[in-house]
């Protein structure tokens, strides 16, 4: 589909729920998860702002570049671009962060509205796309990294109906199994609840939840047994997951929902598992 000038995309709300547990004096404190745990914005050397959740034990996280865009031309031509916020404004419930990302002849204007209440930080993202790049697609993501480096063996994962703890009781070729390596992204419409949790050895934990899921899709997507890459503005589902990157765990949410590094051909077992990405994008 060709986008001639302006496309307004509204992403479903995505929550990051902290089970429990101070920022530096130069940080802009925008909320508290608990008495000790703060949500802070920190300006990098390039003048852009990142998000830091401090004093939450092993679940303390950072993301200097919270605005992430993946641009797709074909399976061999995928570009990932990330940025901190160019502008931030604190309000009574949290803050609003804005950023602009450019790729070729297309510009992405991103506005993130964060609400911090109790042990929940809720993100609502709006992306305005202007320009034209026929045949291309994109997705938007938000991910976080642990401040103290963690690996898969250090944590337990929870994905309802799919992953409970370590890889010990998961077949190697399943989503979350050893064949996927250190990458596990799951379409939320595959899960009985759009939730992914991580538990750390100090007892702290974090859960990623889409509070307003929308499973709308297309006939082609629902009948895709060959795992083809697809671009369609009607995709409304996201994906949740985690991957090990730079000897650390990175987790988050992407919209629309690409799935990998393992997906299923249709039936899940036996013979339905594929060590392949099922990529989904908006035009």
Foldseek 3Di string as FASTA:
>chain_A
DKDAFKDKDWAFKKKKFKPAADDDPQWAFQAAQDPHWTWTWDADPVRFIWIWTPGRPQPTWIDRWFKKKWKDQDPVDIDIDTHGFNDWDHDPFGIKGWDWDDDDFKIKTKIWDWGDDHRMIMIIMMIMMTGTDPRMFMKIWGKIWGPPFDALVFKFKDAAPAGTGHQPPPPQLAQRHCVQPFWHKDWCVVGPASKMKMAGPVGMIMMMHRPDADQFDDPCVLQQLPLHEDEAQRGRIKIWIWGQDPRHIMTTIMPPHKGDCKDFSNDRDDPGIDRHINHYGYD
